[in-house]
C-alpha atoms as a PDB file:
ATOM      1  CA  MET A   1     -10.789  14.810 -24.859  1.00  0.00           C
ATOM      2  CA  ASP A   2      -9.956  17.698 -21.810  1.00  0.00           C
ATOM      3  CA  LYS A   3     -12.586  16.598 -19.824  1.00  0.00           C
ATOM      4  CA  ILE A   4     -11.977  12.697 -20.508  1.00  0.00           C
ATOM      5  CA  LYS A   5      -8.426  13.305 -19.482  1.00  0.00           C
ATOM      6  CA  LYS A   6      -9.360  15.140 -15.876  1.00  0.00           C
ATOM      7  CA  GLY A   7     -11.298  11.636 -15.119  1.00  0.00           C
ATOM      8  CA  LEU A   8      -8.112   9.545 -16.006  1.00  0.00           C
ATOM      9  CA  GLY A   9      -5.376  10.598 -13.347  1.00  0.00           C
ATOM     10  CA  ARG A  10      -2.190  12.587 -14.349  1.00  0.00           C
ATOM     11  CA  GLY A  11       0.155   9.493 -15.813  1.00  0.00           C
ATOM     12  CA  LEU A  12      -2.904   8.108 -17.853  1.00  0.00           C
ATOM     13  CA  SER A  13      -3.771  11.311 -19.528  1.00  0.00           C
ATOM     14  CA  SER A  14      -0.069  11.968 -20.653  1.00  0.00           C
ATOM     15  CA  LEU A  15       0.179   8.206 -22.149  1.00  0.00           C
ATOM     16  CA  ILE A  16      -2.977   9.049 -23.768  1.00  0.00           C
ATOM     17  CA  GLY A  17      -1.667  12.270 -24.985  1.00  0.00           C
ATOM     18  CA  GLU A  18       1.155   9.934 -26.959  1.00  0.00           C
ATOM     19  CA  THR A  19      -1.001   7.691 -29.041  1.00  0.00           C
ATOM     20  CA  LYS A  20      -3.516   7.614 -31.728  1.00  0.00           C
ATOM     21  CA  VAL A  21      -7.096   8.524 -30.196  1.00  0.00           C
ATOM     22  CA  GLU A  22     -10.019   7.535 -32.367  1.00  0.00           C
ATOM     23  CA  PRO A  23     -12.876  10.637 -32.480  1.00  0.00           C
ATOM     24  CA  LEU A  24     -15.502  10.529 -29.816  1.00  0.00           C
ATOM     25  CA  LYS A  25     -17.713   7.744 -30.618  1.00  0.00           C
ATOM     26  CA  ASN A  26     -17.319   6.680 -26.983  1.00  0.00           C
ATOM     27  CA  GLN A  27     -19.486   4.311 -26.267  1.00  0.00           C
ATOM     28  CA  LEU A  28     -19.247   0.719 -26.433  1.00  0.00           C
ATOM     29  CA  ALA A  29     -21.302  -2.760 -25.248  1.00  0.00           C
ATOM     30  CA  ILE A  30     -19.843  -4.760 -22.437  1.00  0.00           C
ATOM     31  CA  SER A  31     -19.854  -7.700 -24.218  1.00  0.00           C
ATOM     32  CA  ASP A  32     -17.840  -6.198 -26.930  1.00  0.00           C
ATOM     33  CA  LEU A  33     -14.978  -5.578 -24.409  1.00  0.00           C
ATOM     34  CA  VAL A  34     -12.220  -8.654 -23.074  1.00  0.00           C
ATOM     35  CA  PRO A  35      -9.927  -8.344 -20.378  1.00  0.00           C
ATOM     36  CA  ASN A  36      -6.318  -7.378 -20.702  1.00  0.00           C
ATOM     37  CA  LYS A  37      -3.928 -10.214 -20.736  1.00  0.00           C
ATOM     38  CA  TYR A  38      -1.202  -7.687 -19.742  1.00  0.00           C
ATOM     39  CA  GLN A  39      -3.283  -6.845 -16.530  1.00  0.00           C
ATOM     40  CA  PRO A  40      -0.649  -6.976 -13.454  1.00  0.00           C
ATOM     41  CA  ARG A  41      -3.455  -7.111 -11.130  1.00  0.00           C
ATOM     42  CA  LYS A  42      -4.917 -10.267 -10.900  1.00  0.00           C
ATOM     43  CA  ILE A  43      -7.194  -9.885  -7.773  1.00  0.00           C
ATOM     44  CA  PHE A  44      -9.649  -7.546  -7.250  1.00  0.00           C
ATOM     45  CA  ASP A  45     -11.000  -6.435  -3.600  1.00  0.00           C
ATOM     46  CA  LYS A  46     -14.708  -7.523  -3.228  1.00  0.00           C
ATOM     47  CA  ALA A  47     -15.967  -4.961  -0.895  1.00  0.00           C
ATOM     48  CA  ASN A  48     -14.371  -2.083  -2.883  1.00  0.00           C
ATOM     49  CA  LEU A  49     -15.687  -3.909  -6.313  1.00  0.00           C
ATOM     50  CA  ASP A  50     -19.338  -3.924  -4.552  1.00  0.00           C
ATOM     51  CA  ASP A  51     -19.011  -0.097  -3.269  1.00  0.00           C
ATOM     52  CA  LEU A  52     -17.698   0.921  -7.003  1.00  0.00           C
ATOM     53  CA  THR A  53     -20.993  -1.243  -8.448  1.00  0.00           C
ATOM     54  CA  ASN A  54     -23.266   0.797  -5.635  1.00  0.00           C
ATOM     55  CA  SER A  55     -21.817   3.837  -7.498  1.00  0.00           C
ATOM     56  CA  ILE A  56     -22.286   3.022 -10.843  1.00  0.00           C
ATOM     57  CA  LYS A  57     -25.704   1.887 -10.374  1.00  0.00           C
ATOM     58  CA  GLU A  58     -26.596   5.375  -8.289  1.00  0.00           C
ATOM     59  CA  ASN A  59     -24.420   8.021 -10.699  1.00  0.00           C
ATOM     60  CA  GLY A  60     -23.943   5.940 -13.798  1.00  0.00           C
ATOM     61  CA  MET A  61     -20.213   5.400 -15.315  1.00  0.00           C
ATOM     62  CA  ILE A  62     -18.193   8.871 -15.331  1.00  0.00           C
ATOM     63  CA  GLN A  63     -14.806   7.660 -15.622  1.00  0.00           C
ATOM     64  CA  PRO A  64     -14.267   6.170 -19.707  1.00  0.00           C
ATOM     65  CA  ILE A  65     -12.383   2.793 -19.950  1.00  0.00           C
ATOM     66  CA  ILE A  66      -9.496   2.734 -22.289  1.00  0.00           C
ATOM     67  CA  VAL A  67      -9.605   0.125 -24.737  1.00  0.00           C
ATOM     68  CA  ARG A  68      -8.457  -0.768 -28.163  1.00  0.00           C
ATOM     69  CA  LYS A  69      -9.070  -2.752 -31.277  1.00  0.00           C
ATOM     70  CA  ILE A  70      -7.927  -6.859 -31.025  1.00  0.00           C
ATOM     71  CA  ASN A  71      -5.982  -7.497 -34.551  1.00  0.00           C
ATOM     72  CA  ASN A  72      -7.379 -10.825 -34.663  1.00  0.00           C
ATOM     73  CA  ASP A  73     -11.067  -9.752 -34.135  1.00  0.00           C
ATOM     74  CA  GLN A  74     -12.347  -6.340 -35.097  1.00  0.00           C
ATOM     75  CA  SER A  75     -15.479  -6.636 -33.356  1.00  0.00           C
ATOM     76  CA  LYS A  76     -14.061  -6.981 -30.025  1.00  0.00           C
ATOM     77  CA  TYR A  77     -12.271  -4.593 -27.765  1.00  0.00           C
ATOM     78  CA  GLU A  78      -9.109  -4.924 -25.246  1.00  0.00           C
ATOM     79  CA  ILE A  79      -9.280  -3.631 -21.782  1.00  0.00           C
ATOM     80  CA  ILE A  80      -6.077  -1.447 -21.609  1.00  0.00           C
ATOM     81  CA  ALA A  81      -7.321   0.482 -18.194  1.00  0.00           C
ATOM     82  CA  GLY A  82     -10.506   0.006 -16.235  1.00  0.00           C
ATOM     83  CA  GLU A  83     -10.922  -3.601 -15.968  1.00  0.00           C
ATOM     84  CA  ARG A  84     -12.227  -3.427 -12.234  1.00  0.00           C
ATOM     85  CA  ARG A  85     -14.411  -0.490 -13.793  1.00  0.00           C
ATOM     86  CA  TRP A  86     -15.860  -3.118 -16.188  1.00  0.00           C
ATOM     87  CA  LEU A  87     -16.377  -5.873 -13.877  1.00  0.00           C
ATOM     88  CA  ALA A  88     -18.341  -3.045 -11.799  1.00  0.00           C
ATOM     89  CA  ALA A  89     -20.383  -2.010 -14.858  1.00  0.00           C
ATOM     90  CA  GLN A  90     -21.772  -5.800 -15.566  1.00  0.00           C
ATOM     91  CA  ARG A  91     -22.627  -6.035 -12.154  1.00  0.00           C
ATOM     92  CA  ALA A  92     -24.366  -3.118 -12.188  1.00  0.00           C
ATOM     93  CA  GLY A  93     -26.827  -4.356 -15.121  1.00  0.00           C
ATOM     94  CA  LEU A  94     -25.001  -1.917 -17.629  1.00  0.00           C
ATOM     95  CA  HIS A  95     -25.102  -2.786 -21.435  1.00  0.00           C
ATOM     96  CA  ASN A  96     -23.067  -0.089 -22.782  1.00  0.00           C
ATOM     97  CA  ILE A  97     -20.180   2.042 -21.068  1.00  0.00           C
ATOM     98  CA  PRO A  98     -18.025   5.176 -22.289  1.00  0.00           C
ATOM     99  CA  VAL A  99     -14.715   4.132 -23.711  1.00  0.00           C
ATOM    100  CA  VAL A 100     -11.653   5.555 -25.134  1.00  0.00           C
ATOM    101  CA  ILE A 101     -10.361   4.100 -28.081  1.00  0.00           C
ATOM    102  CA  THR A 102      -6.278   3.856 -28.623  1.00  0.00           C
ATOM    103  CA  ASP A 103      -3.812   2.791 -30.768  1.00  0.00           C
ATOM    104  CA  VAL A 104      -1.147   0.925 -29.009  1.00  0.00           C
ATOM    105  CA  ASP A 105       1.208  -1.649 -29.254  1.00  0.00           C
ATOM    106  CA  ASP A 106       1.566  -4.783 -26.656  1.00  0.00           C
ATOM    107  CA  LEU A 107       4.409  -2.840 -24.713  1.00  0.00           C
ATOM    108  CA  LYS A 108       2.304   0.368 -24.510  1.00  0.00           C
ATOM    109  CA  SER A 109      -0.419  -1.430 -23.088  1.00  0.00           C
ATOM    110  CA  LEU A 110       1.388  -2.910 -20.475  1.00  0.00           C
ATOM    111  CA  GLU A 111       2.608   0.410 -19.275  1.00  0.00           C
ATOM    112  CA  PHE A 112      -1.270   2.033 -19.343  1.00  0.00           C
ATOM    113  CA  ALA A 113      -2.293  -1.012 -17.013  1.00  0.00           C
ATOM    114  CA  ILE A 114       0.750  -0.594 -14.560  1.00  0.00           C
ATOM    115  CA  VAL A 115       0.220   3.592 -14.328  1.00  0.00           C
ATOM    116  CA  GLU A 116      -3.356   3.005 -13.746  1.00  0.00           C
ATOM    117  CA  ASN A 117      -2.359   0.658 -11.038  1.00  0.00           C
ATOM    118  CA  VAL A 118      -0.070   2.507  -9.205  1.00  0.00           C
ATOM    119  CA  GLN A 119      -2.721   5.561  -9.082  1.00  0.00           C
ATOM    120  CA  ARG A 120      -5.372   3.456  -7.770  1.00  0.00           C
ATOM    121  CA  HIS A 121      -5.862   4.275  -3.991  1.00  0.00           C
ATOM    122  CA  ASP A 122      -6.797   0.659  -2.805  1.00  0.00           C
ATOM    123  CA  LEU A 123      -3.212  -0.787  -3.883  1.00  0.00           C
ATOM    124  CA  ASN A 124      -1.561  -2.355  -0.768  1.00  0.00           C
ATOM    125  CA  PRO A 125       1.647  -1.333  -0.689  1.00  0.00           C
ATOM    126  CA  LEU A 126       3.853  -3.745  -2.044  1.00  0.00           C
ATOM    127  CA  GLU A 127       1.551  -3.482  -5.593  1.00  0.00           C
ATOM    128  CA  GLU A 128       2.641   0.059  -5.637  1.00  0.00           C
ATOM    129  CA  ALA A 129       6.198  -0.351  -5.215  1.00  0.00           C
ATOM    130  CA  GLN A 130       5.937  -3.220  -8.163  1.00  0.00           C
ATOM    131  CA  GLY A 131       4.353  -0.931 -10.232  1.00  0.00           C
ATOM    132  CA  TYR A 132       6.710   1.645  -9.896  1.00  0.00           C
ATOM    133  CA  LYS A 133       9.601  -0.883  -9.909  1.00  0.00           C
ATOM    134  CA  ARG A 134       8.239  -2.295 -13.264  1.00  0.00           C
ATOM    135  CA  LEU A 135       8.275   0.939 -14.748  1.00  0.00           C
ATOM    136  CA  ILE A 136      11.638   1.783 -14.006  1.00  0.00           C
ATOM    137  CA  ASN A 137      12.910  -1.791 -15.293  1.00  0.00           C
ATOM    138  CA  GLU A 138      10.743  -2.410 -18.022  1.00  0.00           C
ATOM    139  CA  PHE A 139      10.260   1.599 -19.666  1.00  0.00           C
ATOM    140  CA  SER A 140      13.671   2.978 -18.808  1.00  0.00           C
ATOM    141  CA  TYR A 141      11.719   5.560 -15.817  1.00  0.00           C
ATOM    142  CA  ASP A 142      13.639   6.867 -13.549  1.00  0.00           C
ATOM    143  CA  GLN A 143      12.766   7.893  -9.638  1.00  0.00           C
ATOM    144  CA  GLU A 144      11.989  11.293 -10.862  1.00  0.00           C
ATOM    145  CA  LYS A 145      10.069  10.505 -13.948  1.00  0.00           C
ATOM    146  CA  VAL A 146       8.053   8.202 -11.702  1.00  0.00           C
ATOM    147  CA  SER A 147       7.475  10.650  -9.490  1.00  0.00           C
ATOM    148  CA  LYS A 148       6.294  13.647 -12.111  1.00  0.00           C
ATOM    149  CA  PHE A 149       4.470  11.044 -14.220  1.00  0.00           C
ATOM    150  CA  ILE A 150       2.337   9.431 -10.892  1.00  0.00           C
ATOM    151  CA  GLY A 151       2.105  12.989  -9.301  1.00  0.00           C
ATOM    152  CA  LYS A 152       3.983  12.027  -5.782  1.00  0.00           C
ATOM    153  CA  SER A 153       6.732  13.284  -4.502  1.00  0.00           C
ATOM    154  CA  ARG A 154      10.606  11.829  -4.924  1.00  0.00           C
ATOM    155  CA  SER A 155      10.856  10.722  -1.676  1.00  0.00           C
ATOM    156  CA  TYR A 156       7.410   8.817  -1.451  1.00  0.00           C
ATOM    157  CA  ILE A 157       8.754   6.712  -4.539  1.00  0.00           C
ATOM    158  CA  THR A 158      11.762   6.010  -3.188  1.00  0.00           C
ATOM    159  CA  ASN A 159      10.132   4.807   0.329  1.00  0.00           C
ATOM    160  CA  THR A 160       7.815   2.831  -1.349  1.00  0.00           C
ATOM    161  CA  LEU A 161      10.484   1.166  -3.760  1.00  0.00           C
ATOM    162  CA  ARG A 162      12.393   0.551  -0.038  1.00  0.00           C
ATOM    163  CA  LEU A 163       9.635  -1.561   1.114  1.00  0.00           C
ATOM    164  CA  LEU A 164      10.482  -4.585  -1.639  1.00  0.00           C
ATOM    165  CA  THR A 165      13.960  -4.789   0.363  1.00  0.00           C
ATOM    166  CA  LEU A 166      12.219  -6.657   3.096  1.00  0.00           C
ATOM    167  CA  PRO A 167      12.705 -10.062   3.910  1.00  0.00           C
ATOM    168  CA  ALA A 168      10.327 -12.918   2.018  1.00  0.00           C
ATOM    169  CA  ASP A 169       8.405 -13.598   5.024  1.00  0.00           C
ATOM    170  CA  VAL A 170       7.511 -10.119   6.066  1.00  0.00           C
ATOM    171  CA  ILE A 171       6.103  -9.180   2.763  1.00  0.00           C
ATOM    172  CA  LYS A 172       3.884 -11.804   2.638  1.00  0.00           C
ATOM    173  CA  LEU A 173       2.405 -10.463   5.796  1.00  0.00           C
ATOM    174  CA  ILE A 174       1.955  -7.318   4.188  1.00  0.00           C
ATOM    175  CA  GLU A 175       0.257  -8.919   1.277  1.00  0.00           C
ATOM    176  CA  SER A 176      -1.705 -10.691   3.439  1.00  0.00           C
ATOM    177  CA  GLN A 177      -2.811  -7.288   5.653  1.00  0.00           C
ATOM    178  CA  LYS A 178      -1.145  -8.565   8.517  1.00  0.00           C
ATOM    179  CA  LEU A 179       0.738  -5.961   8.483  1.00  0.00           C
ATOM    180  CA  THR A 180      -0.217  -2.281   7.548  1.00  0.00           C
ATOM    181  CA  ALA A 181       1.747   0.355   5.573  1.00  0.00           C
ATOM    182  CA  GLY A 182       2.633   2.301   8.280  1.00  0.00           C
ATOM    183  CA  HIS A 183       4.092  -0.566   9.864  1.00  0.00           C
ATOM    184  CA  ALA A 184       5.836  -2.171   6.947  1.00  0.00           C
ATOM    185  CA  LYS A 185       7.765   1.529   6.741  1.00  0.00           C
ATOM    186  CA  ILE A 186       8.894   1.085  10.386  1.00  0.00           C
ATOM    187  CA  LEU A 187      10.498  -2.274   9.629  1.00  0.00           C
ATOM    188  CA  VAL A 188      12.694  -1.103   6.042  1.00  0.00           C
ATOM    189  CA  GLY A 189      15.929  -1.437   6.939  1.00  0.00           C
ATOM    190  CA  LEU A 190      15.881  -3.207  10.030  1.00  0.00           C
ATOM    191  CA  ASN A 191      18.153  -6.009  10.320  1.00  0.00           C
ATOM    192  CA  ASN A 192      15.720  -7.882  12.894  1.00  0.00           C
ATOM    193  CA  ALA A 193      12.327  -6.737  10.376  1.00  0.00           C
ATOM    194  CA  SER A 194      11.196 -10.384  10.669  1.00  0.00           C
ATOM    195  CA  PHE A 195      11.325 -10.713  14.565  1.00  0.00           C
ATOM    196  CA  VAL A 196      10.401  -6.969  15.215  1.00  0.00           C
ATOM    197  CA  ALA A 197       7.224  -8.194  12.822  1.00  0.00           C
ATOM    198  CA  ALA A 198       6.275 -11.341  14.552  1.00  0.00           C
ATOM    199  CA  LYS A 199       6.372  -8.969  17.871  1.00  0.00           C
ATOM    200  CA  ILE A 200       3.763  -6.464  16.481  1.00  0.00           C
ATOM    201  CA  ILE A 201       1.241  -9.188  14.979  1.00  0.00           C
ATOM    202  CA  GLU A 202       2.013 -10.620  18.710  1.00  0.00           C
ATOM    203  CA  LYS A 203       1.350  -7.761  20.806  1.00  0.00           C
ATOM    204  CA  LYS A 204      -1.413  -6.141  18.794  1.00  0.00           C
ATOM    205  CA  LEU A 205       0.946  -3.182  18.381  1.00  0.00           C
ATOM    206  CA  SER A 206      -0.128  -0.162  16.552  1.00  0.00           C
ATOM    207  CA  VAL A 207       2.316   2.304  14.144  1.00  0.00           C
ATOM    208  CA  ARG A 208       3.017   4.330  17.153  1.00  0.00           C
ATOM    209  CA  GLN A 209       3.204   1.577  19.349  1.00  0.00           C
ATOM    210  CA  ALA A 210       5.745  -0.300  16.803  1.00  0.00           C
ATOM    211  CA  GLU A 211       7.921   2.645  16.053  1.00  0.00           C
ATOM    212  CA  ASN A 212       8.445   2.969  20.415  1.00  0.00           C
ATOM    213  CA  PHE A 213       9.712  -0.564  20.463  1.00  0.00           C
ATOM    214  CA  VAL A 214      12.090   0.024  17.893  1.00  0.00           C
ATOM    215  CA  LYS A 215      13.288   2.413  19.327  1.00  0.00           C
ATOM    216  CA  ILE A 216      13.558   0.613  22.891  1.00  0.00           C
ATOM    217  CA  PHE A 217      15.446  -2.163  20.856  1.00  0.00           C
ATOM    218  CA  LYS A 218      18.047   0.068  19.091  1.00  0.00           C
ATOM    219  CA  ASN A 219      18.665   1.776  22.731  1.00  0.00           C
ATOM    220  CA  LYS A 220      19.337  -1.454  24.145  1.00  0.00           C
ATOM    221  CA  LYS A 221      21.663  -2.261  21.546  1.00  0.00           C
ATOM    222  CA  LYS A 222      23.685   0.575  21.898  1.00  0.00           C
ATOM    223  CA  SER A 223      24.297  -0.208  25.826  1.00  0.00           C
ATOM    224  CA  SER A 224      26.970  -2.590  26.600  1.00  0.00           C
ATOM    225  CA  SER A 225      24.798  -5.290  27.610  1.00  0.00           C
ATOM    226  CA  ILE A 226      22.403  -6.389  25.390  1.00  0.00           C
ATOM    227  CA  LYS A 227      18.914  -7.138  26.919  1.00  0.00           C
ATOM    228  CA  ASP A 228      16.823 -10.240  26.209  1.00  0.00           C
ATOM    229  CA  THR A 229      14.105  -9.312  23.418  1.00  0.00           C
ATOM    230  CA  ASN A 230      11.156 -10.934  25.933  1.00  0.00           C
ATOM    231  CA  ILE A 231      12.660  -8.150  28.371  1.00  0.00           C
ATOM    232  CA  ILE A 232      12.371  -5.426  25.806  1.00  0.00           C
ATOM    233  CA  ALA A 233       9.313  -6.931  25.060  1.00  0.00           C
ATOM    234  CA  LEU A 234       7.921  -6.889  28.342  1.00  0.00           C
ATOM    235  CA  GLU A 235       9.289  -3.400  29.280  1.00  0.00           C
ATOM    236  CA  LEU A 236       6.618  -2.368  25.967  1.00  0.00           C
ATOM    237  CA  SER A 237       3.822  -3.654  27.172  1.00  0.00           C
ATOM    238  CA  VAL A 238       4.264  -2.520  30.877  1.00  0.00           C
ATOM    239  CA  SER A 239       5.141   0.998  29.290  1.00  0.00           C
ATOM    240  CA  ASN A 240       1.832   1.180  26.853  1.00  0.00           C
ATOM    241  CA  LYS A 241      -0.150   0.300  29.876  1.00  0.00           C
ATOM    242  CA  ILE A 242       0.980   2.699  32.584  1.00  0.00           C
ATOM    243  CA  GLY A 243       2.435   5.221  29.721  1.00  0.00           C
ATOM    244  CA  LEU A 244       5.572   6.017  31.546  1.00  0.00           C
ATOM    245  CA  ASN A 245       9.275   4.729  30.249  1.00  0.00           C
ATOM    246  CA  VAL A 246       9.970   1.580  31.888  1.00  0.00           C
ATOM    247  CA  ASP A 247      13.422  -0.128  32.522  1.00  0.00           C
ATOM    248  CA  ILE A 248      13.802  -3.849  33.393  1.00  0.00           C
ATOM    249  CA  GLN A 249      17.222  -4.791  34.510  1.00  0.00           C
ATOM    250  CA  ASN A 250      17.019  -9.142  34.684  1.00  0.00           C
ATOM    251  CA  ASN A 251      20.748 -11.136  34.918  1.00  0.00           C
ATOM    252  CA  LYS A 252      20.923 -14.686  34.248  1.00  0.00           C
ATOM    253  CA  ARG A 253      20.039 -15.481  37.382  1.00  0.00           C
ATOM    254  CA  ASN A 254      16.469 -13.836  37.079  1.00  0.00           C
ATOM    255  CA  LYS A 255      17.359 -11.181  39.256  1.00  0.00           C
ATOM    256  CA  GLY A 256      17.362  -7.519  38.825  1.00  0.00           C
ATOM    257  CA  LYS A 257      15.416  -4.046  39.138  1.00  0.00           C
ATOM    258  CA  ILE A 258      12.179  -2.372  37.782  1.00  0.00           C
ATOM    259  CA  SER A 259      12.417   1.491  37.053  1.00  0.00           C
ATOM    260  CA  PHE A 260       9.761   3.918  36.136  1.00  0.00           C
ATOM    261  CA  GLU A 261      10.883   7.160  34.479  1.00  0.00           C
ATOM    262  CA  TYR A 262       8.377  10.124  35.843  1.00  0.00           C
ATOM    263  CA  LYS A 263       8.729  13.583  34.486  1.00  0.00           C
ATOM    264  CA  ASP A 264       6.568  15.765  37.216  1.00  0.00           C
ATOM    265  CA  LEU A 265       4.725  14.808  40.456  1.00  0.00           C
ATOM    266  CA  ASP A 266       1.263  13.959  38.990  1.00  0.00           C
ATOM    267  CA  GLN A 267       3.468  10.951  36.979  1.00  0.00           C
ATOM    268  CA  LEU A 268       5.188  10.102  40.345  1.00  0.00           C
ATOM    269  CA  ASN A 269       1.586   9.704  42.240  1.00  0.00           C
ATOM    270  CA  LYS A 270       0.172   8.051  39.208  1.00  0.00           C
ATOM    271  CA  ILE A 271       3.524   5.204  39.864  1.00  0.00           C
ATOM    272  CA  ILE A 272       2.698   5.321  43.532  1.00  0.00           C
ATOM    273  CA  ASN A 273      -1.160   5.157  43.245  1.00  0.00           C
ATOM    274  CA  ILE A 274      -1.076   1.791  40.960  1.00  0.00           C
ATOM    275  CA  ILE A 275       1.600   0.327  43.627  1.00  0.00           C
ATOM    276  CA  LYS A 276      -1.066   1.249  46.224  1.00  0.00           C
ATOM    277  CA  SER A 277      -3.889   0.009  44.681  1.00  0.00           C
ATOM    278  CA  ASN A 278      -2.900  -3.380  43.872  1.00  0.00           C
ATOM    279  CA  TYR A 279      -0.565  -4.376  47.103  1.00  0.00           C
END
C-alpha cells in the first residue's frame, strides 16, 4: 500500500488511509470499469490525453485507478479517481489495469474526484479554484486544511480562490485560454478588470507588459487629471517598443507634449538616434 500511496499524491493518499481498502488483487479488466457520475471535470484536453496514451504504451500503467463496487451491479466498478488514465489505457490497447478498490459512499466519492482534480498539473486556474471552493463549501474544509491537504501554501490557495471574484466576462476569457493564469492574477481586485483584460488581448501583452500597463493606469488615476485610456495604452505601446518610460500629455483639442525618461547617456543617445533615423 505504501508504494501505491507514493504515486497518488498527498491528498488522495490521506483519503485512502481513511477508507476501507480491499487486499491487493489490483488488476481489473478495463471493460469492468465505468465513469464516475460525480466526476467534476467533463472535458479532457486531447493533446494531454495523447501524451498520456503514448506514455502508457511505452511504460505501462504505473499509477493505479481508485474504484468502488457498484451496488446494483457487483461485476462492475465505478471510477472514483483516474478517469483520464482509464481513457488513455483504452486508447493504448490495454486489457487490464491496476486498481485500488475502496468502500466509500457517494459523498466521499465526490471528495476523491475533487482532490484528484486539484492535484492535476494541467488544470486551468479557474478549475483549480472551483475545486478548492467545493472542498470548502461542501466538505467543511478551511483554507488551512486545503493547504496542508493539497501540499501548497496558504497564500497560494487564497490567491487562487480570489480568481473566482473576477467579472464573468473575464472568467470566460480564462476558461477559453485567451488569458493565462499569470494574466488572471494581475486582474484580481481591479475595478477595471474587463477593460484591462480586453487591452491585454488586443495588444497581445505578456504578463510583465500587463503588469506595467496596470501600474501606468494606477499612477495616472492618482494624478489630478485622469488620462484617456487610449493615451495610456499608446504610452505603453511606445514604451514597450523603445524600452523607455514615455509620458504623453494630450488636451481636449488634441494638443500637448510627449516626453521620454532616460537614466543615463546611453539611453539619451538611444532617443536621439531614434529621432535622427526617422527624420
